[in-house]
Amino acid sequence: MRFNRVLKYLSSTAITAVAISACQKSPDNPTGNAVSNPSSNSTDCRTVQHTMGETEICGNSQKVVAVGPAALEALLIMDIQPVGFADHFPVHQGSYDNPSQQIPYVGDRITLPIANIGISSNPSLEAIFQLQPDFILGDRLTLDQYNAFSEIAPTLPLELSESEANLMAVAQAVDLTERAEEILIEAEQKVAAARRNFAPFVASNPKVLLLSAFDLQNMFLANSAHGTCRSVVEEVGFQLVAPPEFDNINSDVQLPISIEALPQLNEADLVIMLGANFNPPEQANNLEPFEDYQLSDIEKSWKENAIAQSLDASKAGRVYFIPAYLCLGLPGPIGTELYLDELQEQLLPLD
């Protein structure tokens, strides 16, 4: 099932530890750790620990490659401009010579053209090598990818279920810890403000069925594997509903759910559907229809399905469709703000 494979790629376990210290590591080591930048001052080095070992980054990194949108988001939120980017699926073909029109949601934060290094699951090593990056930042890298990238430049792998740990890891790598702490405080304030705004609506509609889907045959009940997608909904006050057999919604294991099981969840006051379409778009150089492209198929299928339409939430007009890219692809502060904005725009009535 295609959405399941992509969801597993986007979802992950937490970074177990992030630490930083002055160091002078040997580039030859048996653990597959990244080597330091030989052109940098070896006394100005930082070691970041992660699930695959540790990565030493020296000096002031000026050229960073982002493999995956979460990596890109972590750089841009701290005003670091990447030199290359690999998205999760081919939204755009060719170089990113006009990023604001070619990279979903965060492209307008990129000030200059950058290289397109392919798809994050299989980026071009040659393209990365040609960029001669100071270090490589990647979403949920495989061990093979990590080892291959580390032959080119120091590589820092990120895990998606702990966005705060991700941000702090990147901040320590680039020596911007204080700025990252400020960003996290600002993000908490935005969530708190949204909770206040949602309070009247939540009081009358407390229970939410949160689903993700590529189509109605590939649906999943949102659990911890959905990271920000789930946590933000809970943080603003909603209560998630689940069938009785799903007694561990905190599991990181994907929880598929069939359309036939949905009537068990008719207690839900509203349904939030996180939709995705991972097929290459026909208009690969135009982001204007991106949201419609992500949602149109699943929204159409939902409206045409008798079981889906039998739910009280459907009858009440309280089914909302949101691109999964917002919170699965961008699990950090930028995506959280965009996700909150989308939730408020759709769920809250206009004044």
C-alpha atoms as a PDB file:
ATOM      1  CA  MET A   1       0.000   0.000   0.000  1.00  0.00           C
ATOM      2  CA  ARG A   2       1.623   3.160  -1.236  1.00  0.00           C
ATOM      3  CA  PHE A   3       0.463   5.574   1.441  1.00  0.00           C
ATOM      4  CA  ASN A   4       1.547   3.120   4.133  1.00  0.00           C
ATOM      5  CA  ARG A   5       5.060   2.973   2.684  1.00  0.00           C
ATOM      6  CA  VAL A   6       5.305   6.747   2.494  1.00  0.00           C
ATOM      7  CA  LEU A   7       3.819   7.193   5.958  1.00  0.00           C
ATOM      8  CA  LYS A   8       6.377   4.770   7.382  1.00  0.00           C
ATOM      9  CA  TYR A   9       9.079   6.799   5.666  1.00  0.00           C
ATOM     10  CA  LEU A  10       7.779  10.073   7.083  1.00  0.00           C
ATOM     11  CA  SER A  11       7.193   8.676  10.590  1.00  0.00           C
ATOM     12  CA  SER A  12       9.873   7.535  13.002  1.00  0.00           C
ATOM     13  CA  THR A  13      11.039   7.064  16.563  1.00  0.00           C
ATOM     14  CA  ALA A  14      12.468   9.925  18.603  1.00  0.00           C
ATOM     15  CA  ILE A  15      16.070  11.075  18.605  1.00  0.00           C
ATOM     16  CA  THR A  16      17.387   9.440  21.747  1.00  0.00           C
ATOM     17  CA  ALA A  17      19.948  12.059  22.671  1.00  0.00           C
ATOM     18  CA  VAL A  18      21.404  15.307  21.409  1.00  0.00           C
ATOM     19  CA  ALA A  19      24.712  16.456  22.864  1.00  0.00           C
ATOM     20  CA  ILE A  20      27.399  18.915  21.903  1.00  0.00           C
ATOM     21  CA  SER A  21      30.990  19.256  22.999  1.00  0.00           C
ATOM     22  CA  ALA A  22      34.373  20.435  21.775  1.00  0.00           C
ATOM     23  CA  CYS A  23      36.149  17.577  20.043  1.00  0.00           C
ATOM     24  CA  GLN A  24      38.812  16.421  17.638  1.00  0.00           C
ATOM     25  CA  LYS A  25      37.587  13.079  16.261  1.00  0.00           C
ATOM     26  CA  SER A  26      39.499  10.974  13.800  1.00  0.00           C
ATOM     27  CA  PRO A  27      37.737  10.759  10.433  1.00  0.00           C
ATOM     28  CA  ASP A  28      38.473   7.036  10.380  1.00  0.00           C
ATOM     29  CA  ASN A  29      36.176   5.314  12.833  1.00  0.00           C
ATOM     30  CA  PRO A  30      34.413   1.943  12.980  1.00  0.00           C
ATOM     31  CA  THR A  31      30.945   3.280  13.756  1.00  0.00           C
ATOM     32  CA  GLY A  32      30.138   4.941  10.432  1.00  0.00           C
ATOM     33  CA  ASN A  33      30.213   8.416  11.986  1.00  0.00           C
ATOM     34  CA  ALA A  34      30.564  11.429   9.735  1.00  0.00           C
ATOM     35  CA  VAL A  35      33.934  13.053   9.249  1.00  0.00           C
ATOM     36  CA  SER A  36      34.708  16.677   9.995  1.00  0.00           C
ATOM     37  CA  ASN A  37      35.083  19.370   7.358  1.00  0.00           C
ATOM     38  CA  PRO A  38      38.826  19.375   6.606  1.00  0.00           C
ATOM     39  CA  SER A  39      38.750  23.017   5.555  1.00  0.00           C
ATOM     40  CA  SER A  40      37.406  24.140   8.928  1.00  0.00           C
ATOM     41  CA  ASN A  41      39.231  25.044  12.109  1.00  0.00           C
ATOM     42  CA  SER A  42      39.560  21.703  13.931  1.00  0.00           C
ATOM     43  CA  THR A  43      39.335  23.390  17.341  1.00  0.00           C
ATOM     44  CA  ASP A  44      35.867  24.798  16.534  1.00  0.00           C
ATOM     45  CA  CYS A  45      34.009  21.519  16.366  1.00  0.00           C
ATOM     46  CA  ARG A  46      30.695  20.304  17.679  1.00  0.00           C
ATOM     47  CA  THR A  47      29.626  16.694  18.109  1.00  0.00           C
ATOM     48  CA  VAL A  48      25.932  15.930  17.766  1.00  0.00           C
ATOM     49  CA  GLN A  49      24.776  12.507  18.936  1.00  0.00           C
ATOM     50  CA  HIS A  50      21.917  10.776  17.104  1.00  0.00           C
ATOM     51  CA  THR A  51      20.388   7.357  16.533  1.00  0.00           C
ATOM     52  CA  MET A  52      23.108   6.313  14.073  1.00  0.00           C
ATOM     53  CA  GLY A  53      26.045   7.448  16.166  1.00  0.00           C
ATOM     54  CA  GLU A  54      27.497  10.917  16.259  1.00  0.00           C
ATOM     55  CA  THR A  55      28.419  13.582  13.761  1.00  0.00           C
ATOM     56  CA  GLU A  56      31.236  16.075  14.085  1.00  0.00           C
ATOM     57  CA  ILE A  57      30.715  19.433  12.381  1.00  0.00           C
ATOM     58  CA  CYS A  58      33.476  22.000  12.409  1.00  0.00           C
ATOM     59  CA  GLY A  59      33.607  25.686  11.660  1.00  0.00           C
ATOM     60  CA  ASN A  60      30.844  27.845  10.226  1.00  0.00           C
ATOM     61  CA  SER A  61      28.771  25.755   7.833  1.00  0.00           C
ATOM     62  CA  GLN A  62      27.893  27.832   4.793  1.00  0.00           C
ATOM     63  CA  LYS A  63      26.764  25.147   2.339  1.00  0.00           C
ATOM     64  CA  VAL A  64      24.122  22.735   3.591  1.00  0.00           C
ATOM     65  CA  VAL A  65      22.132  20.150   1.639  1.00  0.00           C
ATOM     66  CA  ALA A  66      18.608  19.300   2.874  1.00  0.00           C
ATOM     67  CA  VAL A  67      17.336  15.795   2.144  1.00  0.00           C
ATOM     68  CA  GLY A  68      13.597  15.934   2.825  1.00  0.00           C
ATOM     69  CA  PRO A  69      11.214  18.802   3.681  1.00  0.00           C
ATOM     70  CA  ALA A  70      11.635  18.444   7.460  1.00  0.00           C
ATOM     71  CA  ALA A  71      15.364  19.012   7.032  1.00  0.00           C
ATOM     72  CA  LEU A  72      14.647  22.016   4.818  1.00  0.00           C
ATOM     73  CA  GLU A  73      12.198  23.406   7.361  1.00  0.00           C
ATOM     74  CA  ALA A  74      14.704  23.078  10.208  1.00  0.00           C
ATOM     75  CA  LEU A  75      17.235  25.110   8.241  1.00  0.00           C
ATOM     76  CA  LEU A  76      14.865  27.808   7.040  1.00  0.00           C
ATOM     77  CA  ILE A  77      13.324  28.461  10.460  1.00  0.00           C
ATOM     78  CA  MET A  78      16.827  29.498  11.564  1.00  0.00           C
ATOM     79  CA  ASP A  79      17.446  31.546   8.412  1.00  0.00           C
ATOM     80  CA  ILE A  80      19.953  29.100   6.945  1.00  0.00           C
ATOM     81  CA  GLN A  81      19.765  28.936   3.168  1.00  0.00           C
ATOM     82  CA  PRO A  82      20.384  25.472   1.655  1.00  0.00           C
ATOM     83  CA  VAL A  83      22.368  24.868  -1.523  1.00  0.00           C
ATOM     84  CA  GLY A  84      20.401  21.754  -2.496  1.00  0.00           C
ATOM     85  CA  PHE A  85      17.112  20.024  -1.681  1.00  0.00           C
ATOM     86  CA  ALA A  86      15.417  16.665  -2.222  1.00  0.00           C
ATOM     87  CA  ASP A  87      11.643  16.493  -1.700  1.00  0.00           C
ATOM     88  CA  HIS A  88       9.730  13.350  -0.760  1.00  0.00           C
ATOM     89  CA  PHE A  89       8.072  13.136  -4.170  1.00  0.00           C
ATOM     90  CA  PRO A  90       8.555  14.879  -7.510  1.00  0.00           C
ATOM     91  CA  VAL A  91       6.563  18.062  -7.079  1.00  0.00           C
ATOM     92  CA  HIS A  92       9.003  19.769  -9.442  1.00  0.00           C
ATOM     93  CA  GLN A  93      11.364  18.617 -12.181  1.00  0.00           C
ATOM     94  CA  GLY A  94      14.639  20.437 -12.843  1.00  0.00           C
ATOM     95  CA  SER A  95      16.520  22.986 -10.788  1.00  0.00           C
ATOM     96  CA  TYR A  96      14.748  25.111  -8.220  1.00  0.00           C
ATOM     97  CA  ASP A  97      15.350  28.345 -10.098  1.00  0.00           C
ATOM     98  CA  ASN A  98      12.136  29.854  -8.697  1.00  0.00           C
ATOM     99  CA  PRO A  99      11.750  28.188  -5.272  1.00  0.00           C
ATOM    100  CA  SER A 100       8.668  30.106  -4.183  1.00  0.00           C
ATOM    101  CA  GLN A 101       6.750  28.551  -7.068  1.00  0.00           C
ATOM    102  CA  GLN A 102       8.396  25.119  -6.948  1.00  0.00           C
ATOM    103  CA  ILE A 103       8.741  24.050  -3.299  1.00  0.00           C
ATOM    104  CA  PRO A 104       5.508  23.603  -1.290  1.00  0.00           C
ATOM    105  CA  TYR A 105       4.792  25.942   1.616  1.00  0.00           C
ATOM    106  CA  VAL A 106       8.374  26.976   2.469  1.00  0.00           C
ATOM    107  CA  GLY A 107       9.749  27.896  -0.962  1.00  0.00           C
ATOM    108  CA  ASP A 108       9.082  31.583  -0.375  1.00  0.00           C
ATOM    109  CA  ARG A 109      11.689  31.507   2.404  1.00  0.00           C
ATOM    110  CA  ILE A 110      14.443  30.554  -0.043  1.00  0.00           C
ATOM    111  CA  THR A 111      16.119  33.650  -1.423  1.00  0.00           C
ATOM    112  CA  LEU A 112      18.239  32.212  -4.263  1.00  0.00           C
ATOM    113  CA  PRO A 113      17.986  29.327  -6.738  1.00  0.00           C
ATOM    114  CA  ILE A 114      19.120  25.992  -5.304  1.00  0.00           C
ATOM    115  CA  ALA A 115      19.933  22.582  -6.778  1.00  0.00           C
ATOM    116  CA  ASN A 116      17.337  19.848  -7.100  1.00  0.00           C
ATOM    117  CA  ILE A 117      19.135  16.678  -5.976  1.00  0.00           C
ATOM    118  CA  GLY A 118      16.237  14.322  -6.690  1.00  0.00           C
ATOM    119  CA  ILE A 119      13.862  12.397  -4.430  1.00  0.00           C
ATOM    120  CA  SER A 120      14.719  12.087  -0.752  1.00  0.00           C
ATOM    121  CA  SER A 121      14.384   8.293  -0.782  1.00  0.00           C
ATOM    122  CA  ASN A 122      16.969   8.083  -3.582  1.00  0.00           C
ATOM    123  CA  PRO A 123      18.793  11.381  -4.078  1.00  0.00           C
ATOM    124  CA  SER A 124      21.622  11.804  -6.538  1.00  0.00           C
ATOM    125  CA  LEU A 125      24.963  11.277  -4.808  1.00  0.00           C
ATOM    126  CA  GLU A 126      26.681  12.861  -7.801  1.00  0.00           C
ATOM    127  CA  ALA A 127      24.552  15.998  -7.488  1.00  0.00           C
ATOM    128  CA  ILE A 128      25.285  16.214  -3.764  1.00  0.00           C
ATOM    129  CA  PHE A 129      29.014  15.706  -4.339  1.00  0.00           C
ATOM    130  CA  GLN A 130      29.101  18.449  -6.956  1.00  0.00           C
ATOM    131  CA  LEU A 131      27.681  20.901  -4.418  1.00  0.00           C
ATOM    132  CA  GLN A 132      30.614  20.201  -2.042  1.00  0.00           C
ATOM    133  CA  PRO A 133      28.451  20.794   1.044  1.00  0.00           C
ATOM    134  CA  ASP A 134      29.850  21.569   4.495  1.00  0.00           C
ATOM    135  CA  PHE A 135      27.293  19.158   5.898  1.00  0.00           C
ATOM    136  CA  ILE A 136      24.176  17.203   4.925  1.00  0.00           C
ATOM    137  CA  LEU A 137      20.919  17.226   6.851  1.00  0.00           C
ATOM    138  CA  GLY A 138      18.396  14.468   6.171  1.00  0.00           C
ATOM    139  CA  ASP A 139      14.937  13.254   7.194  1.00  0.00           C
ATOM    140  CA  ARG A 140      14.772   9.668   8.393  1.00  0.00           C
ATOM    141  CA  LEU A 141      17.837   8.503   6.518  1.00  0.00           C
ATOM    142  CA  THR A 142      18.533   4.814   6.085  1.00  0.00           C
ATOM    143  CA  LEU A 143      21.844   3.539   7.392  1.00  0.00           C
ATOM    144  CA  ASP A 144      23.051   3.032   3.823  1.00  0.00           C
ATOM    145  CA  GLN A 145      22.176   6.620   2.954  1.00  0.00           C
ATOM    146  CA  TYR A 146      23.847   7.902   6.104  1.00  0.00           C
ATOM    147  CA  ASN A 147      27.059   6.027   5.344  1.00  0.00           C
ATOM    148  CA  ALA A 148      27.061   7.112   1.688  1.00  0.00           C
ATOM    149  CA  PHE A 149      26.384  10.777   2.511  1.00  0.00           C
ATOM    150  CA  SER A 150      29.046  10.709   5.243  1.00  0.00           C
ATOM    151  CA  GLU A 151      31.654   9.920   2.586  1.00  0.00           C
ATOM    152  CA  ILE A 152      30.794  13.278   1.014  1.00  0.00           C
ATOM    153  CA  ALA A 153      30.329  15.501   4.085  1.00  0.00           C
ATOM    154  CA  PRO A 154      29.385  15.296   7.770  1.00  0.00           C
ATOM    155  CA  THR A 155      25.798  14.043   7.857  1.00  0.00           C
ATOM    156  CA  LEU A 156      23.131  14.602  10.499  1.00  0.00           C
ATOM    157  CA  PRO A 157      20.050  12.333  10.325  1.00  0.00           C
ATOM    158  CA  LEU A 158      16.759  13.611  11.727  1.00  0.00           C
ATOM    159  CA  GLU A 159      13.818  11.632  13.098  1.00  0.00           C
ATOM    160  CA  LEU A 160      10.334  13.027  12.582  1.00  0.00           C
ATOM    161  CA  SER A 161       8.448  12.128  15.750  1.00  0.00           C
ATOM    162  CA  GLU A 162      10.384  14.599  17.933  1.00  0.00           C
ATOM    163  CA  SER A 163      10.502  17.921  16.111  1.00  0.00           C
ATOM    164  CA  GLU A 164      11.897  19.800  19.108  1.00  0.00           C
ATOM    165  CA  ALA A 165      14.842  17.408  19.375  1.00  0.00           C
ATOM    166  CA  ASN A 166      15.393  17.786  15.634  1.00  0.00           C
ATOM    167  CA  LEU A 167      15.528  21.561  15.853  1.00  0.00           C
ATOM    168  CA  MET A 168      17.913  21.495  18.811  1.00  0.00           C
ATOM    169  CA  ALA A 169      20.177  19.011  17.014  1.00  0.00           C
ATOM    170  CA  VAL A 170      20.407  21.274  13.976  1.00  0.00           C
ATOM    171  CA  ALA A 171      20.843  24.345  16.171  1.00  0.00           C
ATOM    172  CA  GLN A 172      23.745  22.761  18.011  1.00  0.00           C
ATOM    173  CA  ALA A 173      25.315  21.686  14.744  1.00  0.00           C
ATOM    174  CA  VAL A 174      25.294  25.282  13.464  1.00  0.00           C
ATOM    175  CA  ASP A 175      25.869  26.905  16.873  1.00  0.00           C
ATOM    176  CA  LEU A 176      22.456  28.597  17.080  1.00  0.00           C
ATOM    177  CA  THR A 177      21.103  27.000  20.253  1.00  0.00           C
ATOM    178  CA  GLU A 178      19.777  30.209  21.771  1.00  0.00           C
ATOM    179  CA  ARG A 179      17.873  31.035  18.600  1.00  0.00           C
ATOM    180  CA  ALA A 180      16.329  27.569  18.532  1.00  0.00           C
ATOM    181  CA  GLU A 181      15.160  27.942  22.122  1.00  0.00           C
ATOM    182  CA  GLU A 182      13.490  31.242  21.211  1.00  0.00           C
ATOM    183  CA  ILE A 183      11.783  29.584  18.228  1.00  0.00           C
ATOM    184  CA  LEU A 184      10.409  26.801  20.421  1.00  0.00           C
ATOM    185  CA  ILE A 185       9.038  29.287  22.936  1.00  0.00           C
ATOM    186  CA  GLU A 186       7.356  31.222  20.118  1.00  0.00           C
ATOM    187  CA  ALA A 187       5.862  27.973  18.794  1.00  0.00           C
ATOM    188  CA  GLU A 188       4.446  27.101  22.219  1.00  0.00           C
ATOM    189  CA  GLN A 189       2.869  30.539  22.434  1.00  0.00           C
ATOM    190  CA  LYS A 190       1.188  30.078  19.060  1.00  0.00           C
ATOM    191  CA  VAL A 191      -0.255  26.718  20.109  1.00  0.00           C
ATOM    192  CA  ALA A 192      -1.514  28.241  23.364  1.00  0.00           C
ATOM    193  CA  ALA A 193      -3.196  31.070  21.458  1.00  0.00           C
ATOM    194  CA  ALA A 194      -4.823  28.558  19.101  1.00  0.00           C
ATOM    195  CA  ARG A 195      -6.109  26.563  22.068  1.00  0.00           C
ATOM    196  CA  ARG A 196      -7.844  29.679  23.365  1.00  0.00           C
ATOM    197  CA  ASN A 197      -9.343  30.358  19.945  1.00  0.00           C
ATOM    198  CA  PHE A 198     -10.598  26.792  19.618  1.00  0.00           C
ATOM    199  CA  ALA A 199     -12.047  26.563  23.142  1.00  0.00           C
ATOM    200  CA  PRO A 200     -15.692  27.438  22.258  1.00  0.00           C
ATOM    201  CA  PHE A 201     -15.721  25.090  19.262  1.00  0.00           C
ATOM    202  CA  VAL A 202     -14.060  22.268  21.213  1.00  0.00           C
ATOM    203  CA  ALA A 203     -16.592  22.663  24.019  1.00  0.00           C
ATOM    204  CA  SER A 204     -19.431  21.756  21.662  1.00  0.00           C
ATOM    205  CA  ASN A 205     -17.460  19.397  19.373  1.00  0.00           C
ATOM    206  CA  PRO A 206     -14.842  17.684  21.544  1.00  0.00           C
ATOM    207  CA  LYS A 207     -14.365  14.343  19.762  1.00  0.00           C
ATOM    208  CA  VAL A 208     -12.313  14.047  16.582  1.00  0.00           C
ATOM    209  CA  LEU A 209     -11.722  11.158  14.214  1.00  0.00           C
ATOM    210  CA  LEU A 210      -8.287  11.916  12.770  1.00  0.00           C
ATOM    211  CA  LEU A 211      -7.407   9.878   9.681  1.00  0.00           C
ATOM    212  CA  SER A 212      -4.725   9.879   7.019  1.00  0.00           C
ATOM    213  CA  ALA A 213      -5.242   8.405   3.586  1.00  0.00           C
ATOM    214  CA  PHE A 214      -4.016   8.096   0.034  1.00  0.00           C
ATOM    215  CA  ASP A 215      -7.427   6.672  -0.844  1.00  0.00           C
ATOM    216  CA  LEU A 216     -10.270   4.958   1.031  1.00  0.00           C
ATOM    217  CA  GLN A 217      -8.543   1.588   0.666  1.00  0.00           C
ATOM    218  CA  ASN A 218      -5.389   2.953   2.323  1.00  0.00           C
ATOM    219  CA  MET A 219      -6.557   4.696   5.483  1.00  0.00           C
ATOM    220  CA  PHE A 220      -4.818   4.948   8.839  1.00  0.00           C
ATOM    221  CA  LEU A 221      -5.959   6.025  12.267  1.00  0.00           C
ATOM    222  CA  ALA A 222      -3.739   8.857  13.453  1.00  0.00           C
ATOM    223  CA  ASN A 223      -1.523   7.779  16.329  1.00  0.00           C
ATOM    224  CA  SER A 224       1.922   8.705  17.626  1.00  0.00           C
ATOM    225  CA  ALA A 225       3.418   7.783  14.262  1.00  0.00           C
ATOM    226  CA  HIS A 226       1.681  10.877  12.873  1.00  0.00           C
ATOM    227  CA  GLY A 227       3.723  13.191  15.088  1.00  0.00           C
ATOM    228  CA  THR A 228       2.673  16.827  14.793  1.00  0.00           C
ATOM    229  CA  CYS A 229      -0.491  15.910  12.884  1.00  0.00           C
ATOM    230  CA  ARG A 230      -1.837  14.228  15.978  1.00  0.00           C
ATOM    231  CA  SER A 231      -0.167  16.187  18.791  1.00  0.00           C
ATOM    232  CA  VAL A 232      -1.365  19.603  17.604  1.00  0.00           C
ATOM    233  CA  VAL A 233      -4.985  18.422  17.424  1.00  0.00           C
ATOM    234  CA  GLU A 234      -4.720  17.207  21.015  1.00  0.00           C
ATOM    235  CA  GLU A 235      -2.855  20.288  22.211  1.00  0.00           C
ATOM    236  CA  VAL A 236      -5.637  22.598  21.074  1.00  0.00           C
ATOM    237  CA  GLY A 237      -8.068  20.566  23.181  1.00  0.00           C
ATOM    238  CA  PHE A 238      -9.665  17.874  21.030  1.00  0.00           C
ATOM    239  CA  GLN A 239     -10.126  14.264  22.125  1.00  0.00           C
ATOM    240  CA  LEU A 240      -9.222  11.613  19.555  1.00  0.00           C
ATOM    241  CA  VAL A 241     -11.537   8.646  19.106  1.00  0.00           C
ATOM    242  CA  ALA A 242     -10.508   5.091  18.225  1.00  0.00           C
ATOM    243  CA  PRO A 243     -12.111   1.651  17.962  1.00  0.00           C
ATOM    244  CA  PRO A 244     -11.968  -0.488  21.133  1.00  0.00           C
ATOM    245  CA  GLU A 245      -9.368  -2.839  19.621  1.00  0.00           C
ATOM    246  CA  PHE A 246      -6.966   0.064  19.122  1.00  0.00           C
ATOM    247  CA  ASP A 247      -6.046   0.109  22.786  1.00  0.00           C
ATOM    248  CA  ASN A 248      -2.606   1.602  22.222  1.00  0.00           C
ATOM    249  CA  ILE A 249      -3.005   4.750  20.203  1.00  0.00           C
ATOM    250  CA  ASN A 250       0.435   5.818  21.463  1.00  0.00           C
ATOM    251  CA  SER A 251       2.090   3.078  19.432  1.00  0.00           C
ATOM    252  CA  ASP A 252       4.478   4.083  16.654  1.00  0.00           C
ATOM    253  CA  VAL A 253       3.203   1.143  14.595  1.00  0.00           C
ATOM    254  CA  GLN A 254       0.851   2.161  11.791  1.00  0.00           C
ATOM    255  CA  LEU A 255      -2.823   1.521  12.492  1.00  0.00           C
ATOM    256  CA  PRO A 256      -4.702   0.739   9.266  1.00  0.00           C
ATOM    257  CA  ILE A 257      -8.455   1.124   9.406  1.00  0.00           C
ATOM    258  CA  SER A 258     -11.033   0.042   6.859  1.00  0.00           C
ATOM    259  CA  ILE A 259     -13.915   2.141   5.629  1.00  0.00           C
ATOM    260  CA  GLU A 260     -16.242  -0.546   7.005  1.00  0.00           C
ATOM    261  CA  ALA A 261     -14.944   0.120  10.544  1.00  0.00           C
ATOM    262  CA  LEU A 262     -15.833   3.811  10.530  1.00  0.00           C
ATOM    263  CA  PRO A 263     -19.420   3.384  11.823  1.00  0.00           C
ATOM    264  CA  GLN A 264     -17.853   2.160  15.093  1.00  0.00           C
ATOM    265  CA  LEU A 265     -16.521   5.699  15.452  1.00  0.00           C
ATOM    266  CA  ASN A 266     -19.773   7.542  14.870  1.00  0.00           C
ATOM    267  CA  GLU A 267     -19.330   9.223  18.245  1.00  0.00           C
ATOM    268  CA  ALA A 268     -16.886  11.605  16.564  1.00  0.00           C
ATOM    269  CA  ASP A 269     -18.204  15.154  16.347  1.00  0.00           C
ATOM    270  CA  LEU A 270     -15.946  15.844  13.382  1.00  0.00           C
ATOM    271  CA  VAL A 271     -13.555  14.102  11.025  1.00  0.00           C
ATOM    272  CA  ILE A 272     -10.180  15.486   9.974  1.00  0.00           C
ATOM    273  CA  MET A 273      -8.775  13.716   6.932  1.00  0.00           C
ATOM    274  CA  LEU A 274      -5.075  14.170   6.153  1.00  0.00           C
ATOM    275  CA  GLY A 275      -4.883  13.533   2.434  1.00  0.00           C
ATOM    276  CA  ALA A 276      -1.928  12.897   0.182  1.00  0.00           C
ATOM    277  CA  ASN A 277      -1.260  12.174  -3.467  1.00  0.00           C
ATOM    278  CA  PHE A 278       2.245  10.924  -4.168  1.00  0.00           C
ATOM    279  CA  ASN A 279       1.872  10.529  -7.908  1.00  0.00           C
ATOM    280  CA  PRO A 280       3.879  13.039  -9.970  1.00  0.00           C
ATOM    281  CA  PRO A 281       1.710  16.095 -10.710  1.00  0.00           C
ATOM    282  CA  GLU A 282       0.847  16.884 -14.298  1.00  0.00           C
ATOM    283  CA  GLN A 283       1.802  20.517 -13.794  1.00  0.00           C
ATOM    284  CA  ALA A 284       5.226  19.928 -12.272  1.00  0.00           C
ATOM    285  CA  ASN A 285       6.271  23.586 -12.354  1.00  0.00           C
ATOM    286  CA  ASN A 286       3.216  25.168 -10.775  1.00  0.00           C
ATOM    287  CA  LEU A 287       2.348  25.020  -7.074  1.00  0.00           C
ATOM    288  CA  GLU A 288      -0.936  26.897  -7.360  1.00  0.00           C
ATOM    289  CA  PRO A 289      -3.065  23.727  -7.548  1.00  0.00           C
ATOM    290  CA  PHE A 290      -0.876  21.818  -5.055  1.00  0.00           C
ATOM    291  CA  GLU A 291      -3.451  21.615  -2.260  1.00  0.00           C
ATOM    292  CA  ASP A 292      -6.255  20.634  -4.632  1.00  0.00           C
ATOM    293  CA  TYR A 293      -3.955  18.075  -6.216  1.00  0.00           C
ATOM    294  CA  GLN A 294      -3.240  16.573  -2.798  1.00  0.00           C
ATOM    295  CA  LEU A 295      -6.868  16.408  -1.686  1.00  0.00           C
ATOM    296  CA  SER A 296      -9.191  16.182  -4.676  1.00  0.00           C
ATOM    297  CA  ASP A 297      -9.151  12.388  -5.068  1.00  0.00           C
ATOM    298  CA  ILE A 298      -9.708  11.519  -1.411  1.00  0.00           C
ATOM    299  CA  GLU A 299     -12.343  14.233  -0.999  1.00  0.00           C
ATOM    300  CA  LYS A 300     -14.227  12.984  -4.042  1.00  0.00           C
ATOM    301  CA  SER A 301     -14.035   9.373  -2.836  1.00  0.00           C
ATOM    302  CA  TRP A 302     -15.308  10.333   0.608  1.00  0.00           C
ATOM    303  CA  LYS A 303     -18.284  12.198  -0.792  1.00  0.00           C
ATOM    304  CA  GLU A 304     -19.189   9.279  -3.054  1.00  0.00           C
ATOM    305  CA  ASN A 305     -18.890   6.557  -0.406  1.00  0.00           C
ATOM    306  CA  ALA A 306     -22.136   5.540   1.310  1.00  0.00           C
ATOM    307  CA  ILE A 307     -20.444   4.437   4.542  1.00  0.00           C
ATOM    308  CA  ALA A 308     -18.490   7.669   4.863  1.00  0.00           C
ATOM    309  CA  GLN A 309     -21.611   9.706   4.207  1.00  0.00           C
ATOM    310  CA  SER A 310     -23.565   7.752   6.829  1.00  0.00           C
ATOM    311  CA  LEU A 311     -21.449   9.197   9.646  1.00  0.00           C
ATOM    312  CA  ASP A 312     -23.061  11.916  11.730  1.00  0.00           C
ATOM    313  CA  ALA A 313     -20.033  14.160  11.142  1.00  0.00           C
ATOM    314  CA  SER A 314     -20.581  13.916   7.381  1.00  0.00           C
ATOM    315  CA  LYS A 315     -24.265  14.688   7.726  1.00  0.00           C
ATOM    316  CA  ALA A 316     -23.443  17.713   9.869  1.00  0.00           C
ATOM    317  CA  GLY A 317     -20.877  18.996   7.352  1.00  0.00           C
ATOM    318  CA  ARG A 318     -18.007  18.584   9.774  1.00  0.00           C
ATOM    319  CA  VAL A 319     -15.509  16.648   7.661  1.00  0.00           C
ATOM    320  CA  TYR A 320     -12.350  18.603   6.913  1.00  0.00           C
ATOM    321  CA  PHE A 321      -9.600  17.771   4.405  1.00  0.00           C
ATOM    322  CA  ILE A 322      -6.042  18.956   5.045  1.00  0.00           C
ATOM    323  CA  PRO A 323      -2.838  18.105   3.112  1.00  0.00           C
ATOM    324  CA  ALA A 324      -0.764  15.612   5.080  1.00  0.00           C
ATOM    325  CA  TYR A 325       2.344  17.375   3.741  1.00  0.00           C
ATOM    326  CA  LEU A 326       1.715  20.218   6.193  1.00  0.00           C
ATOM    327  CA  CYS A 327       2.314  18.199   9.328  1.00  0.00           C
ATOM    328  CA  LEU A 328       3.954  14.961   8.139  1.00  0.00           C
ATOM    329  CA  GLY A 329       6.361  16.645   5.745  1.00  0.00           C
ATOM    330  CA  LEU A 330       6.866  19.761   7.855  1.00  0.00           C
ATOM    331  CA  PRO A 331       6.703  18.617  11.503  1.00  0.00           C
ATOM    332  CA  GLY A 332       8.535  21.624  12.950  1.00  0.00           C
ATOM    333  CA  PRO A 333       7.504  25.187  13.863  1.00  0.00           C
ATOM    334  CA  ILE A 334       6.755  26.316  10.302  1.00  0.00           C
ATOM    335  CA  GLY A 335       4.526  23.346   9.550  1.00  0.00           C
ATOM    336  CA  THR A 336       2.846  23.613  12.950  1.00  0.00           C
ATOM    337  CA  GLU A 337       1.899  27.224  12.298  1.00  0.00           C
ATOM    338  CA  LEU A 338       0.609  26.412   8.811  1.00  0.00           C
ATOM    339  CA  TYR A 339      -1.329  23.419  10.166  1.00  0.00           C
ATOM    340  CA  LEU A 340      -2.894  25.552  12.898  1.00  0.00           C
ATOM    341  CA  ASP A 341      -3.828  28.211  10.360  1.00  0.00           C
ATOM    342  CA  GLU A 342      -5.483  25.586   8.159  1.00  0.00           C
ATOM    343  CA  LEU A 343      -7.397  24.087  11.077  1.00  0.00           C
ATOM    344  CA  GLN A 344      -8.626  27.484  12.219  1.00  0.00           C
ATOM    345  CA  GLU A 345      -9.609  28.554   8.720  1.00  0.00           C
ATOM    346  CA  GLN A 346     -11.691  25.425   8.154  1.00  0.00           C
ATOM    347  CA  LEU A 347     -13.117  24.716  11.600  1.00  0.00           C
ATOM    348  CA  LEU A 348     -13.762  28.100  13.148  1.00  0.00           C
ATOM    349  CA  PRO A 349     -16.614  30.265  11.875  1.00  0.00           C
ATOM    350  CA  LEU A 350     -15.832  33.749  10.626  1.00  0.00           C
ATOM    351  CA  ASP A 351     -16.466  36.614  13.012  1.00  0.00           C
END
